[in-house]
């Protein structure tokens, strides 16, 4: 039951984040935002959806849905969620799942963005690994961080070009 509860927490969190992203997108558009066309975005969505399916299927296949939860991975998960929220709060209305820039707005360099250029992407990669291990989904722990890294090798350069075009690198 605890695994199903954790899985639901992750899904609910992602749904709330999508609502926040949509709200922020509307606000940014009202303030002159430019949305970068990104053909890879659907692959990001597909990867996250597949991940949520894969961890529950693999855990069920391994008969791990009734075992005890590993305290180390649960603690790591909670810490990652704290940093994820820190990223979101630091960007405020500028946080989004899409690449959206507003001309004339200064690049945000507070919170984790003061230390790491793309902290949210690092967190997501770590989440794929930690959540998979929390669910004893060892195949997912290998596959999804690799997929994430591949997608970020496309996304980060696009994002950097969008920022550079605004003179906000």
N, C-alpha and C. Protein backbone atom coordinates (compact mmCIF):
# COMPACT_ATOMS: atom_id res chain seq x y z
N UNK A 1 0.81 -1.20 0.00
CA UNK A 1 0.00 0.00 0.00
C UNK A 1 0.86 1.27 0.00
N UNK A 2 2.00 1.21 0.69
CA UNK A 2 2.85 2.40 0.74
C UNK A 2 3.40 2.75 -0.64
N UNK A 3 3.70 1.73 -1.44
CA UNK A 3 4.22 2.00 -2.78
C UNK A 3 3.17 2.68 -3.65
N UNK A 4 1.96 2.21 -3.57
CA UNK A 4 0.88 2.82 -4.33
C UNK A 4 0.66 4.26 -3.88
N UNK A 5 0.76 4.49 -2.57
CA UNK A 5 0.62 5.85 -2.04
C UNK A 5 1.73 6.76 -2.55
N UNK A 6 2.96 6.28 -2.54
CA UNK A 6 4.10 7.06 -3.05
C UNK A 6 3.93 7.36 -4.54
N UNK A 7 3.49 6.35 -5.27
CA UNK A 7 3.27 6.51 -6.71
C UNK A 7 2.22 7.60 -6.95
N UNK A 8 1.14 7.57 -6.18
CA UNK A 8 0.09 8.58 -6.31
C UNK A 8 0.61 9.97 -5.95
N UNK A 9 1.47 10.05 -4.94
CA UNK A 9 2.07 11.34 -4.56
C UNK A 9 2.86 11.91 -5.73
N UNK A 10 3.66 11.08 -6.39
CA UNK A 10 4.46 11.54 -7.53
C UNK A 10 3.55 12.01 -8.66
N UNK A 11 2.52 11.25 -8.95
CA UNK A 11 1.58 11.62 -10.02
C UNK A 11 0.88 12.94 -9.69
N UNK A 12 0.41 13.06 -8.46
CA UNK A 12 -0.28 14.29 -8.05
C UNK A 12 0.67 15.49 -8.14
N UNK A 13 1.91 15.28 -7.72
CA UNK A 13 2.89 16.36 -7.79
C UNK A 13 3.09 16.80 -9.23
N UNK A 14 3.22 15.86 -10.14
CA UNK A 14 3.41 16.19 -11.55
C UNK A 14 2.19 16.92 -12.12
N UNK A 15 1.01 16.51 -11.71
CA UNK A 15 -0.21 17.18 -12.18
C UNK A 15 -0.26 18.63 -11.68
N UNK A 16 0.08 18.84 -10.42
CA UNK A 16 0.11 20.20 -9.86
C UNK A 16 1.14 21.03 -10.61
N UNK A 17 2.30 20.45 -10.90
CA UNK A 17 3.34 21.17 -11.64
C UNK A 17 2.86 21.57 -13.04
N UNK A 18 2.12 20.70 -13.69
CA UNK A 18 1.58 21.03 -15.02
C UNK A 18 0.58 22.18 -14.93
N UNK A 19 -0.22 22.20 -13.87
CA UNK A 19 -1.16 23.31 -13.68
C UNK A 19 -0.41 24.62 -13.43
N UNK A 20 0.63 24.56 -12.61
CA UNK A 20 1.45 25.75 -12.34
C UNK A 20 2.10 26.22 -13.64
N UNK A 21 2.63 25.28 -14.41
CA UNK A 21 3.28 25.63 -15.68
C UNK A 21 2.30 26.31 -16.62
N UNK A 22 1.08 25.80 -16.70
CA UNK A 22 0.07 26.40 -17.59
C UNK A 22 -0.28 27.81 -17.12
N UNK A 23 -0.47 27.96 -15.81
CA UNK A 23 -0.76 29.29 -15.26
C UNK A 23 0.38 30.26 -15.55
N UNK A 24 1.61 29.81 -15.35
CA UNK A 24 2.78 30.65 -15.62
C UNK A 24 2.89 30.98 -17.11
N UNK A 25 2.59 30.01 -17.96
CA UNK A 25 2.65 30.24 -19.41
C UNK A 25 1.67 31.35 -19.82
N UNK A 26 0.47 31.30 -19.28
CA UNK A 26 -0.54 32.32 -19.59
C UNK A 26 -0.02 33.70 -19.15
N UNK A 27 0.51 33.78 -17.94
CA UNK A 27 1.04 35.05 -17.44
C UNK A 27 2.20 35.54 -18.30
N UNK A 28 3.10 34.62 -18.67
CA UNK A 28 4.25 35.03 -19.48
C UNK A 28 3.80 35.52 -20.86
N UNK A 29 2.84 34.85 -21.47
CA UNK A 29 2.32 35.29 -22.78
C UNK A 29 1.72 36.69 -22.67
N UNK A 30 1.02 36.94 -21.57
CA UNK A 30 0.43 38.27 -21.35
C UNK A 30 1.51 39.34 -21.18
N UNK A 31 2.73 38.92 -20.87
CA UNK A 31 3.84 39.84 -20.65
C UNK A 31 4.88 39.78 -21.76
N UNK A 32 4.45 39.38 -22.95
CA UNK A 32 5.31 39.43 -24.13
C UNK A 32 6.26 38.27 -24.32
N UNK A 33 5.95 37.13 -23.75
CA UNK A 33 6.84 35.97 -23.84
C UNK A 33 6.93 35.42 -25.26
N UNK A 34 8.07 34.82 -25.51
CA UNK A 34 8.30 34.09 -26.75
C UNK A 34 8.47 32.62 -26.37
N UNK A 35 7.67 31.77 -27.02
CA UNK A 35 7.75 30.33 -26.76
C UNK A 35 8.62 29.71 -27.83
N UNK A 36 9.63 28.99 -27.41
CA UNK A 36 10.54 28.32 -28.34
C UNK A 36 9.86 27.05 -28.84
N UNK A 37 9.80 26.90 -30.15
CA UNK A 37 9.24 25.67 -30.73
C UNK A 37 10.20 24.53 -30.42
N UNK A 38 9.67 23.51 -29.79
CA UNK A 38 10.53 22.41 -29.37
C UNK A 38 9.88 21.07 -29.72
N UNK A 39 10.39 20.44 -30.77
CA UNK A 39 9.86 19.16 -31.21
C UNK A 39 10.11 18.04 -30.22
N UNK A 40 11.07 18.22 -29.34
CA UNK A 40 11.42 17.18 -28.38
C UNK A 40 10.48 17.16 -27.16
N UNK A 41 9.68 18.19 -26.98
CA UNK A 41 8.84 18.30 -25.78
C UNK A 41 7.91 17.10 -25.62
N UNK A 42 7.33 16.66 -26.72
CA UNK A 42 6.43 15.49 -26.63
C UNK A 42 7.18 14.25 -26.15
N UNK A 43 8.48 14.17 -26.47
CA UNK A 43 9.28 13.04 -26.01
C UNK A 43 9.57 13.13 -24.52
N UNK A 44 9.68 14.35 -24.02
CA UNK A 44 9.84 14.54 -22.57
C UNK A 44 8.58 14.08 -21.86
N UNK A 45 7.43 14.51 -22.37
CA UNK A 45 6.14 14.10 -21.78
C UNK A 45 5.99 12.58 -21.84
N UNK A 46 6.31 12.00 -22.98
CA UNK A 46 6.21 10.54 -23.14
C UNK A 46 7.15 9.82 -22.18
N UNK A 47 8.36 10.33 -22.01
CA UNK A 47 9.33 9.71 -21.10
C UNK A 47 8.81 9.73 -19.66
N UNK A 48 8.27 10.86 -19.24
CA UNK A 48 7.74 10.95 -17.87
C UNK A 48 6.54 10.03 -17.67
N UNK A 49 5.68 9.97 -18.67
CA UNK A 49 4.51 9.09 -18.59
C UNK A 49 4.94 7.62 -18.56
N UNK A 50 5.87 7.27 -19.43
CA UNK A 50 6.38 5.89 -19.47
C UNK A 50 7.06 5.53 -18.16
N UNK A 51 7.78 6.49 -17.58
CA UNK A 51 8.45 6.25 -16.31
C UNK A 51 7.44 5.89 -15.22
N UNK A 52 6.38 6.68 -15.11
CA UNK A 52 5.38 6.43 -14.08
C UNK A 52 4.72 5.06 -14.26
N UNK A 53 4.55 4.66 -15.51
CA UNK A 53 4.01 3.32 -15.78
C UNK A 53 5.04 2.24 -15.48
N UNK A 54 6.27 2.48 -15.90
CA UNK A 54 7.33 1.46 -15.78
C UNK A 54 7.64 1.11 -14.33
N UNK A 55 7.71 2.12 -13.46
CA UNK A 55 8.10 1.80 -12.07
C UNK A 55 7.05 0.95 -11.38
N UNK A 56 5.79 1.24 -11.64
CA UNK A 56 4.74 0.46 -10.98
C UNK A 56 4.66 -0.94 -11.59
N UNK A 57 4.83 -1.04 -12.91
CA UNK A 57 4.79 -2.36 -13.56
C UNK A 57 5.98 -3.22 -13.14
N UNK A 58 7.17 -2.61 -13.13
CA UNK A 58 8.36 -3.39 -12.75
C UNK A 58 8.31 -3.80 -11.29
N UNK A 59 7.87 -2.90 -10.42
CA UNK A 59 7.76 -3.25 -9.00
C UNK A 59 6.75 -4.38 -8.80
N UNK A 60 5.66 -4.33 -9.52
CA UNK A 60 4.64 -5.37 -9.43
C UNK A 60 5.18 -6.69 -9.98
N UNK A 61 5.89 -6.61 -11.09
CA UNK A 61 6.49 -7.80 -11.72
C UNK A 61 7.49 -8.46 -10.77
N UNK A 62 8.23 -7.65 -10.04
CA UNK A 62 9.23 -8.17 -9.09
C UNK A 62 8.60 -8.53 -7.74
N UNK A 63 7.30 -8.35 -7.62
CA UNK A 63 6.58 -8.62 -6.37
C UNK A 63 7.14 -7.79 -5.22
N UNK A 64 7.44 -6.53 -5.52
CA UNK A 64 8.01 -5.63 -4.51
C UNK A 64 6.99 -4.64 -3.96
N UNK A 65 5.76 -4.75 -4.35
CA UNK A 65 4.75 -3.77 -3.94
C UNK A 65 4.33 -3.93 -2.48
N UNK A 66 4.69 -5.02 -1.85
CA UNK A 66 4.27 -5.24 -0.47
C UNK A 66 5.43 -5.18 0.52
N UNK A 67 6.65 -5.08 0.02
CA UNK A 67 7.81 -5.05 0.91
C UNK A 67 7.96 -3.73 1.63
N UNK A 68 8.94 -3.69 2.50
CA UNK A 68 9.20 -2.45 3.24
C UNK A 68 9.92 -1.45 2.33
N UNK A 69 9.82 -0.20 2.69
CA UNK A 69 10.42 0.89 1.92
C UNK A 69 11.83 1.12 2.43
N UNK A 70 12.76 1.27 1.50
CA UNK A 70 14.15 1.54 1.85
C UNK A 70 14.26 2.98 2.37
N UNK A 71 14.69 3.12 3.62
CA UNK A 71 14.77 4.42 4.26
C UNK A 71 15.71 5.39 3.57
N UNK A 72 16.83 4.87 3.05
CA UNK A 72 17.79 5.73 2.37
C UNK A 72 17.17 6.37 1.13
N UNK A 73 16.53 5.55 0.29
CA UNK A 73 15.94 6.07 -0.94
C UNK A 73 14.72 6.94 -0.67
N UNK A 74 13.98 6.63 0.39
CA UNK A 74 12.85 7.48 0.77
C UNK A 74 13.35 8.85 1.21
N UNK A 75 14.42 8.87 2.00
CA UNK A 75 15.02 10.14 2.43
C UNK A 75 15.55 10.92 1.23
N UNK A 76 16.22 10.23 0.32
CA UNK A 76 16.74 10.88 -0.89
C UNK A 76 15.59 11.46 -1.71
N UNK A 77 14.50 10.72 -1.82
CA UNK A 77 13.32 11.19 -2.55
C UNK A 77 12.78 12.48 -1.92
N UNK A 78 12.64 12.48 -0.60
CA UNK A 78 12.12 13.66 0.10
C UNK A 78 13.05 14.86 -0.10
N UNK A 79 14.35 14.64 -0.01
CA UNK A 79 15.31 15.73 -0.23
C UNK A 79 15.23 16.27 -1.66
N UNK A 80 15.10 15.37 -2.62
CA UNK A 80 14.96 15.80 -4.01
C UNK A 80 13.69 16.63 -4.21
N UNK A 81 12.62 16.26 -3.51
CA UNK A 81 11.38 17.03 -3.63
C UNK A 81 11.57 18.43 -3.06
N UNK A 82 12.31 18.53 -1.97
CA UNK A 82 12.59 19.83 -1.37
C UNK A 82 13.36 20.71 -2.36
N UNK A 83 14.37 20.15 -3.02
CA UNK A 83 15.16 20.92 -3.98
C UNK A 83 14.31 21.26 -5.21
N UNK A 84 13.45 20.34 -5.62
CA UNK A 84 12.54 20.59 -6.76
C UNK A 84 11.66 21.81 -6.45
N UNK A 85 11.08 21.84 -5.26
CA UNK A 85 10.24 22.97 -4.86
C UNK A 85 11.07 24.25 -4.78
N UNK A 86 12.30 24.15 -4.29
CA UNK A 86 13.21 25.30 -4.23
C UNK A 86 13.43 25.87 -5.63
N UNK A 87 13.61 24.99 -6.62
CA UNK A 87 13.77 25.43 -8.01
C UNK A 87 12.52 26.18 -8.47
N UNK A 88 11.38 25.60 -8.22
CA UNK A 88 10.11 26.18 -8.66
C UNK A 88 9.87 27.53 -8.00
N UNK A 89 10.10 27.61 -6.70
CA UNK A 89 9.89 28.86 -5.97
C UNK A 89 10.90 29.92 -6.42
N UNK A 90 12.13 29.52 -6.67
CA UNK A 90 13.17 30.47 -7.09
C UNK A 90 12.84 31.13 -8.42
N UNK A 91 12.26 30.37 -9.34
CA UNK A 91 11.88 30.94 -10.64
C UNK A 91 10.52 31.63 -10.59
N UNK A 92 9.70 31.27 -9.62
CA UNK A 92 8.39 31.90 -9.48
C UNK A 92 7.57 31.78 -10.75
N UNK A 93 7.06 32.90 -11.23
CA UNK A 93 6.20 32.89 -12.43
C UNK A 93 6.95 32.52 -13.70
N UNK A 94 8.27 32.45 -13.63
CA UNK A 94 9.07 32.12 -14.81
C UNK A 94 9.32 30.61 -14.93
N UNK A 95 8.93 29.83 -13.92
CA UNK A 95 9.13 28.39 -13.98
C UNK A 95 8.14 27.80 -14.99
N UNK A 96 8.63 26.88 -15.81
CA UNK A 96 7.75 26.24 -16.78
C UNK A 96 8.36 24.94 -17.27
N UNK A 97 7.51 24.10 -17.83
CA UNK A 97 8.00 22.86 -18.44
C UNK A 97 8.42 23.08 -19.88
N UNK A 98 8.04 24.23 -20.42
CA UNK A 98 8.41 24.59 -21.80
C UNK A 98 9.51 25.64 -21.76
N UNK A 99 10.12 25.87 -22.91
CA UNK A 99 11.13 26.93 -23.01
C UNK A 99 10.40 28.20 -23.42
N UNK A 100 10.27 29.11 -22.46
CA UNK A 100 9.56 30.37 -22.68
C UNK A 100 10.44 31.49 -22.13
N UNK A 101 10.66 32.51 -22.95
CA UNK A 101 11.48 33.64 -22.51
C UNK A 101 10.72 34.94 -22.73
N UNK A 102 10.99 35.90 -21.86
CA UNK A 102 10.38 37.23 -21.98
C UNK A 102 11.50 38.22 -22.24
N UNK A 103 11.46 38.90 -23.39
CA UNK A 103 12.50 39.89 -23.68
C UNK A 103 12.58 40.95 -22.58
N UNK A 104 13.83 41.29 -22.23
CA UNK A 104 14.06 42.34 -21.25
C UNK A 104 14.08 41.89 -19.80
N UNK A 105 13.76 40.63 -19.56
CA UNK A 105 13.76 40.13 -18.18
C UNK A 105 15.14 39.56 -17.86
N UNK A 106 15.65 39.93 -16.71
CA UNK A 106 16.97 39.45 -16.28
C UNK A 106 16.92 37.95 -15.97
N UNK A 107 18.01 37.28 -16.27
CA UNK A 107 18.15 35.86 -15.95
C UNK A 107 18.14 35.70 -14.43
N UNK A 108 17.37 34.76 -13.94
CA UNK A 108 17.27 34.54 -12.50
C UNK A 108 18.47 33.75 -12.03
N UNK A 109 19.14 34.29 -11.02
CA UNK A 109 20.33 33.65 -10.46
C UNK A 109 20.23 33.60 -8.94
N UNK A 110 19.10 33.14 -8.46
CA UNK A 110 18.91 32.98 -7.02
C UNK A 110 18.53 31.53 -6.75
N UNK A 111 18.49 31.20 -5.47
CA UNK A 111 18.18 29.82 -5.10
C UNK A 111 19.22 28.89 -5.68
N UNK A 112 18.81 27.72 -6.13
CA UNK A 112 19.79 26.77 -6.68
C UNK A 112 20.40 27.26 -8.00
N UNK A 113 19.72 28.22 -8.65
CA UNK A 113 20.22 28.76 -9.92
C UNK A 113 21.46 29.63 -9.72
N UNK A 114 21.74 29.96 -8.48
CA UNK A 114 22.96 30.70 -8.16
C UNK A 114 24.17 29.77 -8.24
N UNK A 115 23.94 28.48 -8.08
CA UNK A 115 25.02 27.50 -8.01
C UNK A 115 25.10 26.58 -9.22
N UNK A 116 23.96 26.28 -9.82
CA UNK A 116 23.89 25.33 -10.93
C UNK A 116 23.04 25.96 -12.04
N UNK A 117 23.49 25.83 -13.27
CA UNK A 117 22.81 26.47 -14.40
C UNK A 117 21.39 25.90 -14.62
N UNK A 118 21.24 24.60 -14.56
CA UNK A 118 19.95 23.95 -14.81
C UNK A 118 19.65 22.94 -13.69
N UNK A 119 19.43 23.42 -12.46
CA UNK A 119 19.26 22.48 -11.35
C UNK A 119 18.04 21.58 -11.47
N UNK A 120 16.96 22.07 -12.05
CA UNK A 120 15.76 21.24 -12.16
C UNK A 120 16.00 20.01 -13.03
N UNK A 121 16.81 20.16 -14.07
CA UNK A 121 17.10 19.02 -14.94
C UNK A 121 17.96 17.99 -14.21
N UNK A 122 18.86 18.47 -13.37
CA UNK A 122 19.67 17.56 -12.54
C UNK A 122 18.75 16.80 -11.59
N UNK A 123 17.83 17.52 -10.96
CA UNK A 123 16.90 16.90 -10.01
C UNK A 123 16.06 15.83 -10.71
N UNK A 124 15.54 16.13 -11.88
CA UNK A 124 14.71 15.15 -12.60
C UNK A 124 15.51 13.88 -12.91
N UNK A 125 16.75 14.04 -13.36
CA UNK A 125 17.59 12.87 -13.63
C UNK A 125 17.81 12.04 -12.38
N UNK A 126 18.08 12.72 -11.27
CA UNK A 126 18.26 12.00 -9.99
C UNK A 126 16.96 11.35 -9.53
N UNK A 127 15.85 12.02 -9.75
CA UNK A 127 14.55 11.44 -9.39
C UNK A 127 14.28 10.15 -10.16
N UNK A 128 14.56 10.16 -11.45
CA UNK A 128 14.36 8.93 -12.23
C UNK A 128 15.12 7.77 -11.59
N UNK A 129 16.32 8.04 -11.15
CA UNK A 129 17.16 7.01 -10.53
C UNK A 129 16.65 6.62 -9.14
N UNK A 130 16.46 7.61 -8.28
CA UNK A 130 16.08 7.35 -6.89
C UNK A 130 14.68 6.74 -6.77
N UNK A 131 13.72 7.31 -7.48
CA UNK A 131 12.36 6.77 -7.41
C UNK A 131 12.32 5.34 -7.94
N UNK A 132 13.06 5.08 -9.00
CA UNK A 132 13.13 3.71 -9.53
C UNK A 132 13.67 2.76 -8.47
N UNK A 133 14.75 3.15 -7.81
CA UNK A 133 15.33 2.28 -6.78
C UNK A 133 14.41 2.15 -5.58
N UNK A 134 13.70 3.20 -5.25
CA UNK A 134 12.73 3.16 -4.16
C UNK A 134 11.67 2.09 -4.45
N UNK A 135 11.32 1.94 -5.72
CA UNK A 135 10.32 0.95 -6.14
C UNK A 135 10.94 -0.39 -6.55
N UNK A 136 12.24 -0.54 -6.36
CA UNK A 136 12.96 -1.76 -6.77
C UNK A 136 12.82 -1.99 -8.27
N UNK A 137 12.72 -0.91 -9.02
CA UNK A 137 12.58 -0.97 -10.48
C UNK A 137 13.96 -0.73 -11.09
N UNK A 138 14.78 -1.76 -11.08
CA UNK A 138 16.19 -1.62 -11.45
C UNK A 138 16.39 -1.36 -12.94
N UNK A 139 15.53 -1.90 -13.76
CA UNK A 139 15.63 -1.63 -15.20
C UNK A 139 15.31 -0.15 -15.45
N UNK A 140 14.25 0.33 -14.82
CA UNK A 140 13.87 1.75 -14.95
C UNK A 140 14.99 2.66 -14.43
N UNK A 141 15.69 2.23 -13.39
CA UNK A 141 16.78 3.03 -12.81
C UNK A 141 17.92 3.24 -13.79
N UNK A 142 18.02 2.35 -14.76
CA UNK A 142 19.06 2.49 -15.79
C UNK A 142 18.50 3.22 -17.01
N UNK A 143 17.34 2.79 -17.47
CA UNK A 143 16.77 3.29 -18.73
C UNK A 143 16.39 4.77 -18.66
N UNK A 144 15.67 5.17 -17.63
CA UNK A 144 15.10 6.52 -17.63
C UNK A 144 16.11 7.64 -17.38
N UNK A 145 17.11 7.45 -16.53
CA UNK A 145 18.14 8.51 -16.46
C UNK A 145 18.89 8.68 -17.79
N UNK A 146 19.08 7.58 -18.51
CA UNK A 146 19.75 7.67 -19.82
C UNK A 146 18.86 8.41 -20.82
N UNK A 147 17.57 8.08 -20.84
CA UNK A 147 16.63 8.79 -21.72
C UNK A 147 16.59 10.28 -21.38
N UNK A 148 16.57 10.57 -20.09
CA UNK A 148 16.55 11.96 -19.64
C UNK A 148 17.80 12.70 -20.10
N UNK A 149 18.95 12.08 -19.93
CA UNK A 149 20.21 12.72 -20.37
C UNK A 149 20.19 12.98 -21.87
N UNK A 150 19.67 12.02 -22.63
CA UNK A 150 19.60 12.20 -24.09
C UNK A 150 18.68 13.37 -24.44
N UNK A 151 17.54 13.45 -23.80
CA UNK A 151 16.61 14.55 -24.07
C UNK A 151 17.19 15.90 -23.63
N UNK A 152 17.91 15.91 -22.51
CA UNK A 152 18.51 17.16 -22.05
C UNK A 152 19.65 17.61 -22.96
N UNK A 153 20.27 16.65 -23.66
CA UNK A 153 21.33 17.04 -24.61
C UNK A 153 20.74 17.80 -25.80
N UNK A 154 19.44 17.68 -25.99
CA UNK A 154 18.72 18.45 -27.02
C UNK A 154 18.15 19.73 -26.40
N UNK A 155 17.51 19.58 -25.27
CA UNK A 155 16.79 20.70 -24.64
C UNK A 155 17.70 21.81 -24.13
N UNK A 156 18.75 21.47 -23.42
CA UNK A 156 19.60 22.51 -22.82
C UNK A 156 20.21 23.42 -23.88
N UNK A 157 20.77 22.90 -24.98
CA UNK A 157 21.27 23.82 -26.01
C UNK A 157 20.18 24.73 -26.59
N UNK A 158 18.96 24.21 -26.76
CA UNK A 158 17.85 25.05 -27.24
C UNK A 158 17.56 26.18 -26.25
N UNK A 159 17.53 25.82 -24.99
CA UNK A 159 17.27 26.81 -23.95
C UNK A 159 18.38 27.86 -23.89
N UNK A 160 19.61 27.40 -23.99
CA UNK A 160 20.75 28.32 -23.97
C UNK A 160 20.72 29.27 -25.17
N UNK A 161 20.37 28.75 -26.35
CA UNK A 161 20.26 29.61 -27.54
C UNK A 161 19.16 30.66 -27.36
N UNK A 162 18.04 30.25 -26.77
CA UNK A 162 16.93 31.20 -26.54
C UNK A 162 17.37 32.31 -25.59
N UNK A 163 18.09 31.95 -24.55
CA UNK A 163 18.58 32.95 -23.60
C UNK A 163 19.64 33.84 -24.24
N UNK A 164 20.51 33.24 -25.03
CA UNK A 164 21.57 34.00 -25.69
C UNK A 164 20.98 35.00 -26.69
N UNK A 165 19.95 34.59 -27.39
CA UNK A 165 19.30 35.48 -28.37
C UNK A 165 18.74 36.73 -27.69
N UNK A 166 18.39 36.59 -26.42
CA UNK A 166 17.89 37.74 -25.66
C UNK A 166 19.01 38.52 -24.99
N UNK A 167 20.24 37.98 -25.11
CA UNK A 167 21.36 38.61 -24.43
C UNK A 167 21.32 38.37 -22.94
N UNK A 168 20.73 37.25 -22.53
CA UNK A 168 20.55 36.94 -21.10
C UNK A 168 21.29 35.69 -20.67
N UNK A 169 22.45 35.44 -21.23
CA UNK A 169 23.15 34.22 -20.89
C UNK A 169 23.72 34.32 -19.56
